[in-house]
Protein backbone atom coordinates (compact mmCIF):
# COMPACT_ATOMS: atom_id res chain seq x y z
CA UNK A 1 -13.50 -17.41 -5.08
CA UNK A 2 -14.35 -15.14 -2.46
CA UNK A 3 -12.72 -12.53 -1.19
CA UNK A 4 -12.04 -13.70 1.82
CA UNK A 5 -11.34 -16.97 0.51
CA UNK A 6 -8.67 -15.22 -1.57
CA UNK A 7 -6.89 -13.86 1.60
CA UNK A 8 -6.74 -16.99 3.42
CA UNK A 9 -5.61 -19.32 0.69
CA UNK A 10 -2.96 -16.24 0.25
CA UNK A 11 -2.22 -16.49 4.34
CA UNK A 12 -1.96 -19.99 4.09
CA UNK A 13 0.22 -20.13 1.20
CA UNK A 14 2.98 -18.03 2.75
CA UNK A 15 2.93 -20.22 6.32
CA UNK A 16 3.11 -23.18 4.38
CA UNK A 17 6.34 -22.09 2.87
CA UNK A 18 7.41 -21.07 6.01
CA UNK A 19 6.71 -24.29 7.55
CA UNK A 20 8.70 -25.85 4.57
CA UNK A 21 11.56 -23.82 4.50
CA UNK A 22 11.88 -23.77 8.79
CA UNK A 23 10.95 -27.50 8.89
CA UNK A 24 8.29 -26.80 11.14
CA UNK A 25 5.31 -29.69 11.79
CA UNK A 26 1.98 -28.87 9.85
CA UNK A 27 0.03 -29.58 13.32
CA UNK A 28 1.49 -26.03 14.27
CA UNK A 29 -0.29 -23.88 11.60
CA UNK A 30 -2.58 -22.63 13.29
CA UNK A 31 -2.74 -20.25 16.26
CA UNK A 32 -0.52 -17.92 17.42
CA UNK A 33 3.18 -18.05 18.09
CA UNK A 34 5.06 -15.35 19.35
CA UNK A 35 8.78 -15.38 20.13
CA UNK A 36 9.57 -14.22 23.79
CA UNK A 37 12.70 -12.24 24.91
CA UNK A 38 13.02 -11.06 28.35
CA UNK A 39 16.08 -8.96 29.27
CA UNK A 40 16.98 -8.97 32.96
CA UNK A 41 20.49 -7.51 32.68
CA UNK A 42 19.17 -3.95 34.55
CA UNK A 43 17.84 -5.95 37.54
CA UNK A 44 20.27 -6.40 40.83
CA UNK A 45 21.24 -10.20 40.86
CA UNK A 46 19.08 -10.98 43.29
CA UNK A 47 16.10 -10.16 41.34
CA UNK A 48 17.61 -11.80 38.03
CA UNK A 49 17.19 -14.78 39.90
CA UNK A 50 13.95 -14.17 41.18
CA UNK A 51 12.75 -13.19 37.48
CA UNK A 52 15.04 -16.36 35.98
CA UNK A 53 11.56 -18.19 34.45
CA UNK A 54 9.78 -15.21 33.97
CA UNK A 55 10.49 -15.33 30.22
CA UNK A 56 9.47 -18.93 30.40
CA UNK A 57 6.16 -18.06 32.64
CA UNK A 58 5.27 -15.11 29.71
CA UNK A 59 5.75 -17.12 26.48
CA UNK A 60 3.38 -19.53 27.70
CA UNK A 61 0.65 -17.19 29.09
CA UNK A 62 0.63 -16.00 25.35
CA UNK A 63 1.26 -19.16 23.11
CA UNK A 64 -1.02 -21.83 25.12
CA UNK A 65 -4.05 -19.38 25.19
CA UNK A 66 -6.43 -19.13 22.39
CA UNK A 67 -6.68 -16.16 21.38
CA UNK A 68 -8.39 -16.21 18.18
CA UNK A 69 -12.16 -16.52 17.44
CA UNK A 70 -11.48 -18.13 14.15
CA UNK A 71 -9.57 -21.27 14.20
CA UNK A 72 -9.48 -21.53 10.30
CA UNK A 73 -6.48 -18.16 10.31
CA UNK A 74 -3.43 -19.17 9.58
CA UNK A 75 -0.38 -19.53 12.01
CA UNK A 76 0.23 -16.08 13.03
CA UNK A 77 3.66 -15.05 14.03
CA UNK A 78 5.40 -12.13 16.37
CA UNK A 79 8.13 -11.19 18.56
CA UNK A 80 8.31 -9.41 22.19
CA UNK A 81 10.89 -8.43 23.80
CA UNK A 82 10.38 -6.96 27.26
CA UNK A 83 13.11 -5.13 29.37
CA UNK A 84 12.94 -4.93 33.19
CA UNK A 85 14.40 -2.57 35.63
CA UNK A 86 13.81 -2.85 39.34
CA UNK A 87 11.63 -0.24 41.24
CA UNK A 88 13.07 -0.42 44.89
CA UNK A 89 10.17 -1.54 47.17
CA UNK A 90 10.27 -2.50 51.04
CA UNK A 91 6.46 -4.08 50.27
CA UNK A 92 7.18 -6.64 47.42
CA UNK A 93 9.22 -7.26 44.03
CA UNK A 94 8.34 -4.44 41.77
CA UNK A 95 9.29 -3.42 37.90
CA UNK A 96 10.12 -1.07 35.53
CA UNK A 97 8.80 -2.78 32.10
CA UNK A 98 9.52 -1.36 28.39
CA UNK A 99 8.58 -3.47 25.71
CA UNK A 100 8.45 -4.01 21.66
CA UNK A 101 6.56 -6.00 19.85
CA UNK A 102 6.16 -6.67 16.39
CA UNK A 103 4.07 -8.49 13.71
CA UNK A 104 4.59 -9.36 9.85
CA UNK A 105 3.96 -5.64 8.88
CA UNK A 106 3.44 -3.62 12.38
CA UNK A 107 5.34 -2.59 15.25
CA UNK A 108 4.63 -0.90 18.92
CA UNK A 109 6.76 0.27 21.73
CA UNK A 110 5.93 1.15 25.05
CA UNK A 111 8.49 2.46 27.94
CA UNK A 112 5.91 3.81 30.26
CA UNK A 113 4.67 0.59 32.47
CA UNK A 114 5.50 -0.99 36.29
CA UNK A 115 3.92 -3.96 37.91
CA UNK A 116 4.65 -6.36 40.93
CA UNK A 117 5.56 -10.36 40.65
CA UNK A 118 6.74 -12.20 43.59
CA UNK A 119 8.99 -15.07 43.18
CA UNK A 120 6.61 -18.58 42.22
CA UNK A 121 3.97 -16.33 41.15
CA UNK A 122 2.34 -17.75 38.30
CA UNK A 123 1.08 -15.97 35.18
CA UNK A 124 -1.97 -17.39 33.98
CA UNK A 125 -5.57 -16.28 32.07
CA UNK A 126 -7.31 -17.32 35.29
CA UNK A 127 -9.91 -14.08 35.30
CA UNK A 128 -7.34 -12.10 37.53
CA UNK A 129 -6.45 -8.72 36.09
CA UNK A 130 -3.47 -7.24 36.72
CA UNK A 131 -1.39 -4.36 35.29
CA UNK A 132 0.91 -6.38 33.50
CA UNK A 133 -1.43 -9.06 31.65
CA UNK A 134 -3.83 -6.46 31.08
CA UNK A 135 -0.52 -4.59 29.55
CA UNK A 136 0.29 -8.07 26.99
CA UNK A 137 -3.48 -8.73 25.96
CA UNK A 138 -3.77 -5.00 25.06
CA UNK A 139 -0.30 -5.49 22.49
CA UNK A 140 -1.40 -8.77 21.59
CA UNK A 141 -5.09 -7.79 20.30
CA UNK A 142 -3.59 -5.21 18.57
CA UNK A 143 -1.09 -7.44 16.30
CA UNK A 144 -3.81 -9.93 15.79
CA UNK A 145 -6.48 -6.91 15.06
CA UNK A 146 -4.18 -5.55 12.38
CA UNK A 147 -3.31 -8.80 10.80
CA UNK A 148 -7.04 -9.94 10.53
CA UNK A 149 -7.93 -6.89 8.77
CA UNK A 150 -5.65 -8.64 6.25
CA UNK A 151 -8.68 -11.09 5.52
CA UNK A 152 -11.63 -8.54 4.85
CA UNK A 153 -13.23 -5.12 5.36
CA UNK A 154 -12.32 -4.32 8.86
CA UNK A 155 -12.17 -7.94 9.73
CA UNK A 156 -9.63 -7.24 12.73
CA UNK A 157 -12.95 -4.72 14.53
CA UNK A 158 -13.61 -7.70 17.51
CA UNK A 159 -9.85 -7.81 18.42
CA UNK A 160 -9.40 -3.86 18.49
CA UNK A 161 -12.65 -4.23 20.82
CA UNK A 162 -11.06 -6.69 22.76
CA UNK A 163 -7.75 -4.22 22.73
CA UNK A 164 -10.10 -1.07 24.28
CA UNK A 165 -11.28 -3.44 26.85
CA UNK A 166 -7.62 -4.27 27.91
CA UNK A 167 -7.21 -0.20 28.22
CA UNK A 168 -10.53 0.44 30.15
CA UNK A 169 -9.00 -2.40 32.29
CA UNK A 170 -6.10 -1.28 32.28
CA UNK A 171 -7.12 2.43 34.09
CA UNK A 172 -8.57 0.87 37.04
CA UNK A 173 -5.62 -1.44 38.59
CA UNK A 174 -2.91 -0.80 41.11
CA UNK A 175 -0.66 0.41 38.55
CA UNK A 176 -1.97 2.78 36.45
CA UNK A 177 1.38 4.36 34.90
CA UNK A 178 1.09 4.39 30.87
CA UNK A 179 -2.81 3.66 30.36
CA UNK A 180 -3.73 7.40 29.68
CA UNK A 181 -1.12 6.77 26.80
CA UNK A 182 -2.41 3.70 25.47
CA UNK A 183 -5.96 5.11 26.07
CA UNK A 184 -4.58 7.81 23.41
CA UNK A 185 -2.87 5.15 21.54
CA UNK A 186 -6.59 3.34 21.21
CA UNK A 187 -8.31 6.43 20.50
CA UNK A 188 -5.90 6.81 17.23
CA UNK A 189 -6.39 3.24 16.44
CA UNK A 190 -10.03 4.06 16.41
CA UNK A 191 -10.48 6.94 14.48
CA UNK A 192 -11.32 7.99 10.95
CA UNK A 193 -8.04 8.32 9.73
CA UNK A 194 -6.50 4.89 10.95
CA UNK A 195 -9.87 3.31 9.57
CA UNK A 196 -8.76 4.58 6.31
CA UNK A 197 -5.56 3.09 6.84
CA UNK A 198 -7.46 -0.41 7.40
CA UNK A 199 -9.30 -0.17 4.39
CA UNK A 200 -6.35 0.62 2.67
CA UNK A 201 -5.52 -3.20 3.70
CA UNK A 202 -8.21 -4.13 2.57
CA UNK A 203 -7.46 -3.44 -1.07
CA UNK A 204 -4.01 -4.20 -0.99
CA UNK A 205 -4.39 -7.71 0.22
CA UNK A 206 -7.10 -8.72 -2.04
CA UNK A 207 -4.77 -7.05 -4.71
CA UNK A 208 -2.33 -9.55 -3.79
CA UNK A 209 -4.51 -12.72 -3.89
CA UNK A 210 -5.83 -11.86 -7.28
CA UNK A 211 -2.64 -11.01 -9.11
CA UNK A 212 -2.25 -14.25 -10.58
CA UNK A 213 -6.07 -14.62 -11.80
CA UNK A 214 -6.26 -11.20 -12.80
CA UNK A 215 -3.47 -9.20 -12.93
CA UNK A 216 -5.46 -5.61 -14.36
CA UNK A 217 -7.69 -5.76 -11.79
CA UNK A 218 -5.24 -6.21 -9.15
CA UNK A 219 -3.22 -3.56 -10.39
CA UNK A 220 -6.13 -1.36 -10.07
CA UNK A 221 -6.79 -2.40 -6.34
CA UNK A 222 -3.30 -2.09 -5.56
CA UNK A 223 -3.00 1.25 -6.70
CA UNK A 224 -5.70 2.63 -5.31
CA UNK A 225 -4.70 1.52 -1.15
CA UNK A 226 -1.04 3.36 -2.22
CA UNK A 227 -3.02 5.85 -3.28
CA UNK A 228 -5.05 6.01 0.40
CA UNK A 229 -1.65 5.28 2.09
CA UNK A 230 -0.74 8.89 0.75
CA UNK A 231 -3.93 10.05 2.13
CA UNK A 232 -3.52 8.67 5.92
CA UNK A 233 -0.24 9.85 5.70
CA UNK A 234 -0.53 12.93 4.68
CA UNK A 235 -3.54 13.32 7.51
CA UNK A 236 -1.05 11.97 9.88
CA UNK A 237 2.69 11.98 9.16
CA UNK A 238 3.46 10.42 11.83
CA UNK A 239 1.38 7.37 11.64
CA UNK A 240 4.00 4.86 12.30
CA UNK A 241 1.67 1.51 11.60
CA UNK A 242 1.69 2.91 7.46
CA UNK A 243 5.06 3.36 8.05
CA UNK A 244 5.91 -0.06 9.03
CA UNK A 245 3.43 -0.93 6.23
CA UNK A 246 5.84 0.74 3.65
CA UNK A 247 8.66 -1.00 4.86
CA UNK A 248 7.00 -4.15 4.75
CA UNK A 249 5.53 -4.03 1.57
CA UNK A 250 7.61 -1.81 -0.75
CA UNK A 251 9.15 -4.26 -2.84
CA UNK A 252 5.95 -6.01 -3.56
CA UNK A 253 4.60 -2.71 -5.29
CA UNK A 254 7.45 -2.52 -6.77
CA UNK A 255 7.61 -6.01 -8.16
CA UNK A 256 3.71 -5.30 -9.74
CA UNK A 257 4.33 -2.06 -11.40
CA UNK A 258 7.95 -2.05 -12.48
CA UNK A 259 7.10 -3.60 -15.95
CA UNK A 260 4.44 -1.46 -16.58
CA UNK A 261 3.19 1.95 -17.61
CA UNK A 262 1.74 3.11 -14.60
CA UNK A 263 4.87 3.94 -12.35
CA UNK A 264 2.71 5.85 -10.07
CA UNK A 265 2.46 4.00 -7.12
CA UNK A 266 6.44 3.89 -7.01
CA UNK A 267 6.21 7.90 -7.46
CA UNK A 268 4.16 7.73 -4.45
CA UNK A 269 5.95 5.24 -2.23
CA UNK A 270 8.84 7.32 -3.06
CA UNK A 271 7.13 10.59 -2.33
CA UNK A 272 5.68 8.74 1.27
CA UNK A 273 9.18 6.85 1.84
CA UNK A 274 12.41 9.13 1.24
CA UNK A 275 14.78 6.78 2.76
CA UNK A 276 14.63 4.63 -0.19
CA UNK A 277 14.61 7.13 -2.63
CA UNK A 278 17.37 5.45 -4.59
CA UNK A 279 15.65 2.09 -4.83
CA UNK A 280 12.39 3.69 -6.37
CA UNK A 281 14.33 5.65 -8.83
CA UNK A 282 16.06 2.24 -10.35
CA UNK A 283 12.28 1.78 -11.70
CA UNK A 284 11.41 5.45 -12.52
CA UNK A 285 11.91 6.82 -15.84
């Protein structure tokens, strides 16, 4: 079984388990599903009424679009919360936007977006770029890029490139607030240290995919992944995706090494993840 086949098989099994538990239909086990919540409470009542269907429009914009180039990729799930505030204007309806978007083991926050949107306006992939659509495209592509990296060595690269395109387009629309910061984020994600973080995931998810077939080799790959994780955080202690990764996967590392003589991966996680020190201590001598 090839490396990519191993990972795709693992992801497909996880997806199947989720569908069985949730009662989901097998016809829905492909594509992208982002749960969308739009918070309107900070808007004046008049604006709340105008934007009452914005959540539905945004959900359709994301979930009814073919983002993935590879239709073999299992169902991808995430969550998006958008908070809208009013920007007074005599010309048009304008809004200040804060958002939190998350995937299985990564999260991005943004509090620097402005955009205009009028009652009855459509939100579609029609080739007409707007600040808000570029914003959503940017973060959806980042989620997908980080998820698809799990399939193989830097496989998410095409989606990082699409995220970069969204940044470059966003800098030339009417509402430019926040795009300098998004460009800085993109520079970080395209840097050498983040590349090492992405390479780490190749080792980590290969280990997960093969743990039942060759435990010794799988542990070697996972130990290497944890060591690389330490290197990335040593180079940048504020690398939030690496911290998110630990929060999502620390228990898997514990389960793989808790009954072995090699407890070093658990010790490294304790070093990196002080808030869970007591949990790691339970498995260390």
